[in-house]
Amino acid sequence: MIIRYIFYAFLVYLGYRFIVGFVIPVFKTTRQVKRQFRDIQERMQQQQHGGGYPEATPQQNTSQKNSSGNSKVGDYLDFEEVK
């Protein structure tokens, strides 16, 4: 009789471990991935419907103003080829 209770307690423990260790994390991860996909799709739709790229932050605006004042500042660096 006591062995039967121990067996049932062990089954309950295994069920608890399965739910807490596998089912809940999979559920949370699935929900998070769906939310991220939905956010990405919304951003893509905004860009396609004339939303364009988000405006630059004030920090980016000031760096662009500073770099526009310098002469011949570009993306490429001059280098000498080593033979």
PDB file of N, CA and C in Angstrom:
ATOM      1  N   MET A   1       0.817  -1.186   0.000  1.00  0.00           N
ATOM      2  CA  MET A   1       0.000   0.000   0.000  1.00  0.00           C
ATOM      3  C   MET A   1       0.869   1.262   0.000  1.00  0.00           C
ATOM      4  N   ILE A   2       1.892   1.302   0.831  1.00  0.00           N
ATOM      5  CA  ILE A   2       2.757   2.473   0.902  1.00  0.00           C
ATOM      6  C   ILE A   2       3.581   2.612  -0.377  1.00  0.00           C
ATOM      7  N   ILE A   3       3.880   1.481  -1.010  1.00  0.00           N
ATOM      8  CA  ILE A   3       4.629   1.524  -2.267  1.00  0.00           C
ATOM      9  C   ILE A   3       3.788   2.218  -3.335  1.00  0.00           C
ATOM     10  N   ARG A   4       2.490   1.993  -3.326  1.00  0.00           N
ATOM     11  CA  ARG A   4       1.601   2.631  -4.286  1.00  0.00           C
ATOM     12  C   ARG A   4       1.633   4.157  -4.101  1.00  0.00           C
ATOM     13  N   TYR A   5       1.617   4.649  -2.855  1.00  0.00           N
ATOM     14  CA  TYR A   5       1.691   6.091  -2.599  1.00  0.00           C
ATOM     15  C   TYR A   5       3.033   6.675  -3.036  1.00  0.00           C
ATOM     16  N   ILE A   6       4.083   5.927  -2.786  1.00  0.00           N
ATOM     17  CA  ILE A   6       5.413   6.374  -3.226  1.00  0.00           C
ATOM     18  C   ILE A   6       5.453   6.444  -4.747  1.00  0.00           C
ATOM     19  N   PHE A   7       4.884   5.467  -5.419  1.00  0.00           N
ATOM     20  CA  PHE A   7       4.855   5.458  -6.875  1.00  0.00           C
ATOM     21  C   PHE A   7       4.064   6.646  -7.417  1.00  0.00           C
ATOM     22  N   TYR A   8       2.884   6.925  -6.831  1.00  0.00           N
ATOM     23  CA  TYR A   8       2.074   8.070  -7.251  1.00  0.00           C
ATOM     24  C   TYR A   8       2.795   9.389  -6.972  1.00  0.00           C
ATOM     25  N   ALA A   9       3.462   9.479  -5.851  1.00  0.00           N
ATOM     26  CA  ALA A   9       4.219  10.688  -5.522  1.00  0.00           C
ATOM     27  C   ALA A   9       5.351  10.878  -6.534  1.00  0.00           C
ATOM     28  N   PHE A  10       5.983   9.801  -6.918  1.00  0.00           N
ATOM     29  CA  PHE A  10       7.049   9.874  -7.919  1.00  0.00           C
ATOM     30  C   PHE A  10       6.491  10.313  -9.272  1.00  0.00           C
ATOM     31  N   LEU A  11       5.320   9.814  -9.661  1.00  0.00           N
ATOM     32  CA  LEU A  11       4.702  10.238 -10.920  1.00  0.00           C
ATOM     33  C   LEU A  11       4.327  11.721 -10.885  1.00  0.00           C
ATOM     34  N   VAL A  12       3.817  12.171  -9.745  1.00  0.00           N
ATOM     35  CA  VAL A  12       3.478  13.582  -9.609  1.00  0.00           C
ATOM     36  C   VAL A  12       4.749  14.426  -9.705  1.00  0.00           C
ATOM     37  N   TYR A  13       5.818  13.986  -9.088  1.00  0.00           N
ATOM     38  CA  TYR A  13       7.089  14.698  -9.149  1.00  0.00           C
ATOM     39  C   TYR A  13       7.605  14.768 -10.586  1.00  0.00           C
ATOM     40  N   LEU A  14       7.539  13.651 -11.303  1.00  0.00           N
ATOM     41  CA  LEU A  14       7.990  13.649 -12.699  1.00  0.00           C
ATOM     42  C   LEU A  14       7.120  14.572 -13.556  1.00  0.00           C
ATOM     43  N   GLY A  15       5.818  14.558 -13.316  1.00  0.00           N
ATOM     44  CA  GLY A  15       4.928  15.455 -14.055  1.00  0.00           C
ATOM     45  C   GLY A  15       5.242  16.909 -13.755  1.00  0.00           C
ATOM     46  N   TYR A  16       5.484  17.227 -12.497  1.00  0.00           N
ATOM     47  CA  TYR A  16       5.841  18.592 -12.119  1.00  0.00           C
ATOM     48  C   TYR A  16       7.134  19.022 -12.790  1.00  0.00           C
ATOM     49  N   ARG A  17       8.145  18.146 -12.752  1.00  0.00           N
ATOM     50  CA  ARG A  17       9.440  18.472 -13.371  1.00  0.00           C
ATOM     51  C   ARG A  17       9.287  18.667 -14.884  1.00  0.00           C
ATOM     52  N   PHE A  18       8.454  17.865 -15.509  1.00  0.00           N
ATOM     53  CA  PHE A  18       8.237  17.992 -16.954  1.00  0.00           C
ATOM     54  C   PHE A  18       7.563  19.314 -17.285  1.00  0.00           C
ATOM     55  N   ILE A  19       6.545  19.667 -16.524  1.00  0.00           N
ATOM     56  CA  ILE A  19       5.819  20.902 -16.797  1.00  0.00           C
ATOM     57  C   ILE A  19       6.693  22.124 -16.518  1.00  0.00           C
ATOM     58  N   VAL A  20       7.353  22.152 -15.381  1.00  0.00           N
ATOM     59  CA  VAL A  20       8.157  23.308 -15.005  1.00  0.00           C
ATOM     60  C   VAL A  20       9.437  23.392 -15.831  1.00  0.00           C
ATOM     61  N   GLY A  21      10.033  22.267 -16.140  1.00  0.00           N
ATOM     62  CA  GLY A  21      11.318  22.273 -16.845  1.00  0.00           C
ATOM     63  C   GLY A  21      11.215  22.288 -18.348  1.00  0.00           C
ATOM     64  N   PHE A  22      10.059  21.926 -18.920  1.00  0.00           N
ATOM     65  CA  PHE A  22       9.960  21.841 -20.377  1.00  0.00           C
ATOM     66  C   PHE A  22       8.783  22.624 -20.944  1.00  0.00           C
ATOM     67  N   VAL A  23       7.599  22.378 -20.451  1.00  0.00           N
ATOM     68  CA  VAL A  23       6.394  22.959 -21.043  1.00  0.00           C
ATOM     69  C   VAL A  23       6.361  24.475 -20.856  1.00  0.00           C
ATOM     70  N   ILE A  24       6.588  24.954 -19.656  1.00  0.00           N
ATOM     71  CA  ILE A  24       6.524  26.397 -19.401  1.00  0.00           C
ATOM     72  C   ILE A  24       7.607  27.155 -20.167  1.00  0.00           C
ATOM     73  N   PRO A  25       8.882  26.715 -20.167  1.00  0.00           N
ATOM     74  CA  PRO A  25       9.884  27.430 -20.965  1.00  0.00           C
ATOM     75  C   PRO A  25       9.570  27.433 -22.462  1.00  0.00           C
ATOM     76  N   VAL A  26       9.064  26.335 -22.993  1.00  0.00           N
ATOM     77  CA  VAL A  26       8.705  26.287 -24.405  1.00  0.00           C
ATOM     78  C   VAL A  26       7.560  27.255 -24.679  1.00  0.00           C
ATOM     79  N   PHE A  27       6.593  27.316 -23.808  1.00  0.00           N
ATOM     80  CA  PHE A  27       5.466  28.236 -23.964  1.00  0.00           C
ATOM     81  C   PHE A  27       5.942  29.691 -23.954  1.00  0.00           C
ATOM     82  N   LYS A  28       6.803  30.035 -22.992  1.00  0.00           N
ATOM     83  CA  LYS A  28       7.307  31.407 -22.898  1.00  0.00           C
ATOM     84  C   LYS A  28       8.147  31.770 -24.120  1.00  0.00           C
ATOM     85  N   THR A  29       8.998  30.863 -24.565  1.00  0.00           N
ATOM     86  CA  THR A  29       9.847  31.128 -25.724  1.00  0.00           C
ATOM     87  C   THR A  29       9.011  31.294 -26.983  1.00  0.00           C
ATOM     88  N   THR A  30       8.011  30.453 -27.154  1.00  0.00           N
ATOM     89  CA  THR A  30       7.138  30.554 -28.319  1.00  0.00           C
ATOM     90  C   THR A  30       6.414  31.891 -28.338  1.00  0.00           C
ATOM     91  N   ARG A  31       5.917  32.320 -27.200  1.00  0.00           N
ATOM     92  CA  ARG A  31       5.219  33.600 -27.110  1.00  0.00           C
ATOM     93  C   ARG A  31       6.163  34.759 -27.421  1.00  0.00           C
ATOM     94  N   GLN A  32       7.401  34.690 -26.925  1.00  0.00           N
ATOM     95  CA  GLN A  32       8.378  35.747 -27.176  1.00  0.00           C
ATOM     96  C   GLN A  32       8.757  35.811 -28.656  1.00  0.00           C
ATOM     97  N   VAL A  33       8.959  34.667 -29.293  1.00  0.00           N
ATOM     98  CA  VAL A  33       9.324  34.635 -30.711  1.00  0.00           C
ATOM     99  C   VAL A  33       8.176  35.185 -31.555  1.00  0.00           C
ATOM    100  N   LYS A  34       6.940  34.816 -31.240  1.00  0.00           N
ATOM    101  CA  LYS A  34       5.796  35.348 -31.977  1.00  0.00           C
ATOM    102  C   LYS A  34       5.722  36.859 -31.853  1.00  0.00           C
ATOM    103  N   ARG A  35       5.961  37.376 -30.649  1.00  0.00           N
ATOM    104  CA  ARG A  35       5.921  38.823 -30.429  1.00  0.00           C
ATOM    105  C   ARG A  35       7.015  39.518 -31.247  1.00  0.00           C
ATOM    106  N   GLN A  36       8.208  38.928 -31.294  1.00  0.00           N
ATOM    107  CA  GLN A  36       9.297  39.532 -32.058  1.00  0.00           C
ATOM    108  C   GLN A  36       8.991  39.520 -33.552  1.00  0.00           C
ATOM    109  N   PHE A  37       8.435  38.434 -34.067  1.00  0.00           N
ATOM    110  CA  PHE A  37       8.062  38.377 -35.479  1.00  0.00           C
ATOM    111  C   PHE A  37       6.994  39.422 -35.793  1.00  0.00           C
ATOM    112  N   ARG A  38       6.030  39.573 -34.912  1.00  0.00           N
ATOM    113  CA  ARG A  38       4.970  40.553 -35.122  1.00  0.00           C
ATOM    114  C   ARG A  38       5.553  41.967 -35.140  1.00  0.00           C
ATOM    115  N   ASP A  39       6.484  42.261 -34.235  1.00  0.00           N
ATOM    116  CA  ASP A  39       7.119  43.581 -34.215  1.00  0.00           C
ATOM    117  C   ASP A  39       7.898  43.839 -35.499  1.00  0.00           C
ATOM    118  N   ILE A  40       8.624  42.848 -35.972  1.00  0.00           N
ATOM    119  CA  ILE A  40       9.397  42.998 -37.209  1.00  0.00           C
ATOM    120  C   ILE A  40       8.468  43.222 -38.392  1.00  0.00           C
ATOM    121  N   GLN A  41       7.366  42.488 -38.459  1.00  0.00           N
ATOM    122  CA  GLN A  41       6.423  42.670 -39.556  1.00  0.00           C
ATOM    123  C   GLN A  41       5.805  44.063 -39.525  1.00  0.00           C
ATOM    124  N   GLU A  42       5.490  44.565 -38.335  1.00  0.00           N
ATOM    125  CA  GLU A  42       4.935  45.905 -38.224  1.00  0.00           C
ATOM    126  C   GLU A  42       5.935  46.950 -38.700  1.00  0.00           C
ATOM    127  N   ARG A  43       7.209  46.795 -38.353  1.00  0.00           N
ATOM    128  CA  ARG A  43       8.233  47.736 -38.809  1.00  0.00           C
ATOM    129  C   ARG A  43       8.374  47.699 -40.325  1.00  0.00           C
ATOM    130  N   MET A  44       8.347  46.517 -40.895  1.00  0.00           N
ATOM    131  CA  MET A  44       8.468  46.391 -42.343  1.00  0.00           C
ATOM    132  C   MET A  44       7.279  47.050 -43.032  1.00  0.00           C
ATOM    133  N   GLN A  45       6.079  46.865 -42.506  1.00  0.00           N
ATOM    134  CA  GLN A  45       4.893  47.483 -43.093  1.00  0.00           C
ATOM    135  C   GLN A  45       4.964  48.995 -42.985  1.00  0.00           C
ATOM    136  N   GLN A  46       5.466  49.509 -41.878  1.00  0.00           N
ATOM    137  CA  GLN A  46       5.598  50.955 -41.719  1.00  0.00           C
ATOM    138  C   GLN A  46       6.585  51.512 -42.740  1.00  0.00           C
ATOM    139  N   GLN A  47       7.678  50.799 -42.976  1.00  0.00           N
ATOM    140  CA  GLN A  47       8.663  51.264 -43.946  1.00  0.00           C
ATOM    141  C   GLN A  47       8.109  51.207 -45.363  1.00  0.00           C
ATOM    142  N   GLN A  48       7.310  50.210 -45.668  1.00  0.00           N
ATOM    143  CA  GLN A  48       6.753  50.077 -47.011  1.00  0.00           C
ATOM    144  C   GLN A  48       5.674  51.113 -47.280  1.00  0.00           C
ATOM    145  N   HIS A  49       4.969  51.535 -46.258  1.00  0.00           N
ATOM    146  CA  HIS A  49       3.866  52.484 -46.440  1.00  0.00           C
ATOM    147  C   HIS A  49       4.314  53.925 -46.221  1.00  0.00           C
ATOM    148  N   GLY A  50       5.559  54.212 -46.514  1.00  0.00           N
ATOM    149  CA  GLY A  50       6.022  55.585 -46.448  1.00  0.00           C
ATOM    150  C   GLY A  50       6.578  55.994 -45.110  1.00  0.00           C
ATOM    151  N   GLY A  51       6.662  55.092 -44.184  1.00  0.00           N
ATOM    152  CA  GLY A  51       7.231  55.443 -42.894  1.00  0.00           C
ATOM    153  C   GLY A  51       8.716  55.685 -43.010  1.00  0.00           C
ATOM    154  N   GLY A  52       9.352  55.011 -43.949  1.00  0.00           N
ATOM    155  CA  GLY A  52      10.781  55.185 -44.151  1.00  0.00           C
ATOM    156  C   GLY A  52      11.565  54.727 -42.940  1.00  0.00           C
ATOM    157  N   TYR A  53      12.759  55.245 -42.870  1.00  0.00           N
ATOM    158  CA  TYR A  53      13.604  54.906 -41.733  1.00  0.00           C
ATOM    159  C   TYR A  53      13.279  55.838 -40.578  1.00  0.00           C
ATOM    160  N   PRO A  54      13.444  55.355 -39.366  1.00  0.00           N
ATOM    161  CA  PRO A  54      13.170  56.235 -38.230  1.00  0.00           C
ATOM    162  C   PRO A  54      14.142  57.403 -38.236  1.00  0.00           C
ATOM    163  N   GLU A  55      13.677  58.531 -37.721  1.00  0.00           N
ATOM    164  CA  GLU A  55      14.514  59.720 -37.715  1.00  0.00           C
ATOM    165  C   GLU A  55      15.722  59.507 -36.822  1.00  0.00           C
ATOM    166  N   ALA A  56      16.790  60.191 -37.177  1.00  0.00           N
ATOM    167  CA  ALA A  56      18.024  60.062 -36.419  1.00  0.00           C
ATOM    168  C   ALA A  56      17.851  60.689 -35.043  1.00  0.00           C
ATOM    169  N   THR A  57      18.577  60.155 -34.093  1.00  0.00           N
ATOM    170  CA  THR A  57      18.524  60.699 -32.752  1.00  0.00           C
ATOM    171  C   THR A  57      19.299  62.011 -32.724  1.00  0.00           C
ATOM    172  N   PRO A  58      19.090  62.856 -31.731  1.00  0.00           N
ATOM    173  CA  PRO A  58      19.819  64.123 -31.663  1.00  0.00           C
ATOM    174  C   PRO A  58      21.328  63.934 -31.681  1.00  0.00           C
ATOM    175  N   GLN A  59      21.817  62.879 -31.079  1.00  0.00           N
ATOM    176  CA  GLN A  59      23.256  62.623 -31.063  1.00  0.00           C
ATOM    177  C   GLN A  59      23.761  62.381 -32.483  1.00  0.00           C
ATOM    178  N   GLN A  60      23.004  61.650 -33.280  1.00  0.00           N
ATOM    179  CA  GLN A  60      23.397  61.395 -34.655  1.00  0.00           C
ATOM    180  C   GLN A  60      23.335  62.678 -35.471  1.00  0.00           C
ATOM    181  N   ASN A  61      22.353  63.526 -35.220  1.00  0.00           N
ATOM    182  CA  ASN A  61      22.244  64.784 -35.946  1.00  0.00           C
ATOM    183  C   ASN A  61      23.448  65.670 -35.688  1.00  0.00           C
ATOM    184  N   THR A  62      23.896  65.760 -34.436  1.00  0.00           N
ATOM    185  CA  THR A  62      25.037  66.611 -34.123  1.00  0.00           C
ATOM    186  C   THR A  62      26.303  66.057 -34.739  1.00  0.00           C
ATOM    187  N   SER A  63      26.463  64.742 -34.758  1.00  0.00           N
ATOM    188  CA  SER A  63      27.666  64.172 -35.368  1.00  0.00           C
ATOM    189  C   SER A  63      27.652  64.397 -36.872  1.00  0.00           C
ATOM    190  N   GLN A  64      26.476  64.397 -37.495  1.00  0.00           N
ATOM    191  CA  GLN A  64      26.405  64.660 -38.922  1.00  0.00           C
ATOM    192  C   GLN A  64      26.736  66.116 -39.214  1.00  0.00           C
ATOM    193  N   LYS A  65      26.308  67.033 -38.350  1.00  0.00           N
ATOM    194  CA  LYS A  65      26.611  68.445 -38.551  1.00  0.00           C
ATOM    195  C   LYS A  65      28.106  68.690 -38.408  1.00  0.00           C
ATOM    196  N   ASN A  66      28.724  68.047 -37.420  1.00  0.00           N
ATOM    197  CA  ASN A  66      30.153  68.242 -37.205  1.00  0.00           C
ATOM    198  C   ASN A  66      30.960  67.697 -38.367  1.00  0.00           C
ATOM    199  N   SER A  67      30.564  66.565 -38.892  1.00  0.00           N
ATOM    200  CA  SER A  67      31.317  65.965 -39.982  1.00  0.00           C
ATOM    201  C   SER A  67      31.098  66.711 -41.283  1.00  0.00           C
ATOM    202  N   SER A  68      29.954  67.389 -41.449  1.00  0.00           N
ATOM    203  CA  SER A  68      29.707  68.125 -42.676  1.00  0.00           C
ATOM    204  C   SER A  68      30.569  69.375 -42.745  1.00  0.00           C
ATOM    205  N   GLY A  69      31.026  69.900 -41.602  1.00  0.00           N
ATOM    206  CA  GLY A  69      31.874  71.072 -41.561  1.00  0.00           C
ATOM    207  C   GLY A  69      33.295  70.771 -42.007  1.00  0.00           C
ATOM    208  N   ASN A  70      33.750  69.553 -41.863  1.00  0.00           N
ATOM    209  CA  ASN A  70      35.103  69.176 -42.266  1.00  0.00           C
ATOM    210  C   ASN A  70      35.149  68.990 -43.770  1.00  0.00           C
ATOM    211  N   SER A  71      36.296  69.311 -44.363  1.00  0.00           N
ATOM    212  CA  SER A  71      36.413  69.156 -45.807  1.00  0.00           C
ATOM    213  C   SER A  71      36.924  67.766 -46.154  1.00  0.00           C
ATOM    214  N   LYS A  72      36.351  67.187 -47.173  1.00  0.00           N
ATOM    215  CA  LYS A  72      36.729  65.897 -47.724  1.00  0.00           C
ATOM    216  C   LYS A  72      36.751  64.787 -46.664  1.00  0.00           C
ATOM    217  N   VAL A  73      35.706  64.704 -45.895  1.00  0.00           N
ATOM    218  CA  VAL A  73      35.577  63.608 -44.942  1.00  0.00           C
ATOM    219  C   VAL A  73      34.650  62.596 -45.585  1.00  0.00           C
ATOM    220  N   GLY A  74      35.110  61.372 -45.733  1.00  0.00           N
ATOM    221  CA  GLY A  74      34.314  60.358 -46.392  1.00  0.00           C
ATOM    222  C   GLY A  74      34.361  59.039 -45.652  1.00  0.00           C
ATOM    223  N   ASP A  75      33.824  58.050 -46.307  1.00  0.00           N
ATOM    224  CA  ASP A  75      33.782  56.723 -45.703  1.00  0.00           C
ATOM    225  C   ASP A  75      35.079  55.957 -45.922  1.00  0.00           C
ATOM    226  N   TYR A  76      35.878  56.368 -46.881  1.00  0.00           N
ATOM    227  CA  TYR A  76      37.060  55.603 -47.246  1.00  0.00           C
ATOM    228  C   TYR A  76      38.316  56.245 -46.687  1.00  0.00           C
ATOM    229  N   LEU A  77      39.266  55.417 -46.324  1.00  0.00           N
ATOM    230  CA  LEU A  77      40.554  55.880 -45.830  1.00  0.00           C
ATOM    231  C   LEU A  77      41.602  55.639 -46.904  1.00  0.00           C
ATOM    232  N   ASP A  78      42.522  56.589 -47.038  1.00  0.00           N
ATOM    233  CA  ASP A  78      43.615  56.408 -47.979  1.00  0.00           C
ATOM    234  C   ASP A  78      44.619  55.425 -47.390  1.00  0.00           C
ATOM    235  N   PHE A  79      45.169  54.587 -48.227  1.00  0.00           N
ATOM    236  CA  PHE A  79      46.187  53.654 -47.763  1.00  0.00           C
ATOM    237  C   PHE A  79      47.197  53.453 -48.876  1.00  0.00           C
ATOM    238  N   GLU A  80      48.370  53.024 -48.478  1.00  0.00           N
ATOM    239  CA  GLU A  80      49.425  52.724 -49.446  1.00  0.00           C
ATOM    240  C   GLU A  80      49.583  51.218 -49.507  1.00  0.00           C
ATOM    241  N   GLU A  81      49.738  50.736 -50.694  1.00  0.00           N
ATOM    242  CA  GLU A  81      49.882  49.302 -50.896  1.00  0.00           C
ATOM    243  C   GLU A  81      51.307  48.905 -50.552  1.00  0.00           C
ATOM    244  N   VAL A  82      51.448  47.880 -49.718  1.00  0.00           N
ATOM    245  CA  VAL A  82      52.774  47.396 -49.303  1.00  0.00           C
ATOM    246  C   VAL A  82      53.179  46.284 -50.255  1.00  0.00           C
ATOM    247  N   LYS A  83      54.414  46.427 -50.815  1.00  0.00           N
ATOM    248  CA  LYS A  83      54.888  45.400 -51.769  1.00  0.00           C
ATOM    249  C   LYS A  83      55.892  44.492 -51.148  1.00  0.00           C
TER     250      LYS A  83
END
